[in-house]
Amino acid sequence: MPAVVRIPSAWRKLTSNRDSIEVDPGTVESALGSIDASCPGFREKVFDSDGSVVRFVNIYVNKEDIRFKSGLATEVHHGDEINIIPAIAGG
């Protein structure tokens, strides 16, 4: 059973309107990076130019914030769920 990345609704135009994508286990970084191969432009939504997570994006593995785990090196196992939550601003 692969891991699953849940795609935020605002980003689904990059994923042909898919709300989730199955990825191989590994790390958060490898899981998210692998999506860009089939969904060009996805990487730029998640990572900044130095390879860290964009400031206004929060990532969770099984409801645990990766900032309190091992960051992008957080392990992803079979059956895990990765949720990407971009901040929404307005006024």
C-alpha atoms as a PDB file:
ATOM      1  CA  MET A   1       0.000   0.000   0.000  1.00  0.00           C
ATOM      2  CA  PRO A   2       1.559   3.325  -1.031  1.00  0.00           C
ATOM      3  CA  ALA A   3       1.407   6.536   0.968  1.00  0.00           C
ATOM      4  CA  VAL A   4      -1.116   9.192  -0.058  1.00  0.00           C
ATOM      5  CA  VAL A   5      -0.586  12.924  -0.512  1.00  0.00           C
ATOM      6  CA  ARG A   6      -3.771  14.996  -0.138  1.00  0.00           C
ATOM      7  CA  ILE A   7      -3.741  17.898  -2.585  1.00  0.00           C
ATOM      8  CA  PRO A   8      -5.163  21.279  -1.505  1.00  0.00           C
ATOM      9  CA  SER A   9      -8.119  22.322  -3.641  1.00  0.00           C
ATOM     10  CA  ALA A  10      -6.351  25.505  -4.791  1.00  0.00           C
ATOM     11  CA  TRP A  11      -3.522  23.404  -6.266  1.00  0.00           C
ATOM     12  CA  ARG A  12      -5.585  20.746  -8.034  1.00  0.00           C
ATOM     13  CA  LYS A  13      -5.242  22.443 -11.421  1.00  0.00           C
ATOM     14  CA  LEU A  14      -1.616  21.242 -11.283  1.00  0.00           C
ATOM     15  CA  THR A  15      -2.695  17.636 -10.641  1.00  0.00           C
ATOM     16  CA  SER A  16      -5.420  17.305 -13.285  1.00  0.00           C
ATOM     17  CA  ASN A  17      -8.005  17.908 -10.539  1.00  0.00           C
ATOM     18  CA  ARG A  18      -6.886  14.928  -8.449  1.00  0.00           C
ATOM     19  CA  ASP A  19      -7.489  15.385  -4.733  1.00  0.00           C
ATOM     20  CA  SER A  20      -4.851  12.825  -3.793  1.00  0.00           C
ATOM     21  CA  ILE A  21      -1.791  11.182  -5.303  1.00  0.00           C
ATOM     22  CA  GLU A  22      -0.208   7.908  -4.271  1.00  0.00           C
ATOM     23  CA  VAL A  23       3.541   8.017  -3.648  1.00  0.00           C
ATOM     24  CA  ASP A  24       6.224   5.547  -2.655  1.00  0.00           C
ATOM     25  CA  PRO A  25       7.383   5.469   0.957  1.00  0.00           C
ATOM     26  CA  GLY A  26      10.579   7.342   1.775  1.00  0.00           C
ATOM     27  CA  THR A  27      10.719  10.871   3.154  1.00  0.00           C
ATOM     28  CA  VAL A  28       8.355  13.797   2.897  1.00  0.00           C
ATOM     29  CA  GLU A  29      10.832  15.483   0.574  1.00  0.00           C
ATOM     30  CA  SER A  30      11.051  12.515  -1.795  1.00  0.00           C
ATOM     31  CA  ALA A  31       7.287  11.973  -1.737  1.00  0.00           C
ATOM     32  CA  LEU A  32       6.488  15.560  -2.615  1.00  0.00           C
ATOM     33  CA  GLY A  33       9.353  15.832  -5.073  1.00  0.00           C
ATOM     34  CA  SER A  34       8.123  12.789  -6.966  1.00  0.00           C
ATOM     35  CA  ILE A  35       4.798  14.478  -7.694  1.00  0.00           C
ATOM     36  CA  ASP A  36       6.496  17.168  -9.775  1.00  0.00           C
ATOM     37  CA  ALA A  37       7.539  14.549 -12.352  1.00  0.00           C
ATOM     38  CA  SER A  38       3.905  14.021 -13.366  1.00  0.00           C
ATOM     39  CA  CYS A  39       2.598  17.425 -12.256  1.00  0.00           C
ATOM     40  CA  PRO A  40       5.022  20.145 -13.420  1.00  0.00           C
ATOM     41  CA  GLY A  41       4.927  23.249 -11.258  1.00  0.00           C
ATOM     42  CA  PHE A  42       3.981  21.371  -8.102  1.00  0.00           C
ATOM     43  CA  ARG A  43       7.476  21.612  -6.639  1.00  0.00           C
ATOM     44  CA  GLU A  44       7.448  25.433  -6.840  1.00  0.00           C
ATOM     45  CA  LYS A  45       4.265  25.519  -4.743  1.00  0.00           C
ATOM     46  CA  VAL A  46       5.889  23.526  -1.931  1.00  0.00           C
ATOM     47  CA  PHE A  47       9.613  24.335  -1.973  1.00  0.00           C
ATOM     48  CA  ASP A  48      11.445  27.650  -2.146  1.00  0.00           C
ATOM     49  CA  SER A  49      14.713  28.206  -4.014  1.00  0.00           C
ATOM     50  CA  ASP A  50      16.865  26.791  -1.193  1.00  0.00           C
ATOM     51  CA  GLY A  51      14.829  23.575  -0.990  1.00  0.00           C
ATOM     52  CA  SER A  52      12.967  24.305   2.233  1.00  0.00           C
ATOM     53  CA  VAL A  53       9.188  24.375   2.575  1.00  0.00           C
ATOM     54  CA  VAL A  54       7.623  27.646   1.484  1.00  0.00           C
ATOM     55  CA  ARG A  55       6.895  29.823   4.505  1.00  0.00           C
ATOM     56  CA  PHE A  56       3.099  29.725   4.257  1.00  0.00           C
ATOM     57  CA  VAL A  57       2.739  25.979   3.680  1.00  0.00           C
ATOM     58  CA  ASN A  58       2.254  23.504   6.516  1.00  0.00           C
ATOM     59  CA  ILE A  59       2.768  19.781   5.998  1.00  0.00           C
ATOM     60  CA  TYR A  60       1.447  16.993   8.183  1.00  0.00           C
ATOM     61  CA  VAL A  61       2.143  13.259   8.175  1.00  0.00           C
ATOM     62  CA  ASN A  62      -0.695  11.382   9.841  1.00  0.00           C
ATOM     63  CA  LYS A  63      -1.877  14.634  11.462  1.00  0.00           C
ATOM     64  CA  GLU A  64       1.555  15.418  12.932  1.00  0.00           C
ATOM     65  CA  ASP A  65       3.246  18.648  11.834  1.00  0.00           C
ATOM     66  CA  ILE A  66       6.605  17.802  10.241  1.00  0.00           C
ATOM     67  CA  ARG A  67       8.137  20.906  11.866  1.00  0.00           C
ATOM     68  CA  PHE A  68       7.946  19.010  15.166  1.00  0.00           C
ATOM     69  CA  LYS A  69       9.308  15.807  13.678  1.00  0.00           C
ATOM     70  CA  SER A  70      12.250  15.647  11.273  1.00  0.00           C
ATOM     71  CA  GLY A  71      11.055  18.278   8.796  1.00  0.00           C
ATOM     72  CA  LEU A  72      11.399  17.207   5.176  1.00  0.00           C
ATOM     73  CA  ALA A  73      13.390  14.175   6.352  1.00  0.00           C
ATOM     74  CA  THR A  74      10.323  12.852   8.203  1.00  0.00           C
ATOM     75  CA  GLU A  75       9.834   9.244   7.178  1.00  0.00           C
ATOM     76  CA  VAL A  76       6.809   8.246   5.152  1.00  0.00           C
ATOM     77  CA  HIS A  77       5.652   4.643   5.402  1.00  0.00           C
ATOM     78  CA  HIS A  78       3.151   2.492   3.534  1.00  0.00           C
ATOM     79  CA  GLY A  79      -0.361   3.694   4.329  1.00  0.00           C
ATOM     80  CA  ASP A  80       0.707   7.104   5.660  1.00  0.00           C
ATOM     81  CA  GLU A  81      -1.209  10.231   4.708  1.00  0.00           C
ATOM     82  CA  ILE A  82       0.523  13.517   3.921  1.00  0.00           C
ATOM     83  CA  ASN A  83      -1.614  16.640   4.109  1.00  0.00           C
ATOM     84  CA  ILE A  84      -0.472  19.922   2.621  1.00  0.00           C
ATOM     85  CA  ILE A  85      -2.155  22.972   4.110  1.00  0.00           C
ATOM     86  CA  PRO A  86      -1.375  26.301   2.414  1.00  0.00           C
ATOM     87  CA  ALA A  87      -2.172  29.396   4.465  1.00  0.00           C
ATOM     88  CA  ILE A  88      -5.019  31.511   3.202  1.00  0.00           C
ATOM     89  CA  ALA A  89      -4.848  35.260   3.630  1.00  0.00           C
ATOM     90  CA  GLY A  90      -7.315  37.951   2.933  1.00  0.00           C
ATOM     91  CA  GLY A  91      -8.884  40.965   4.364  1.00  0.00           C
END
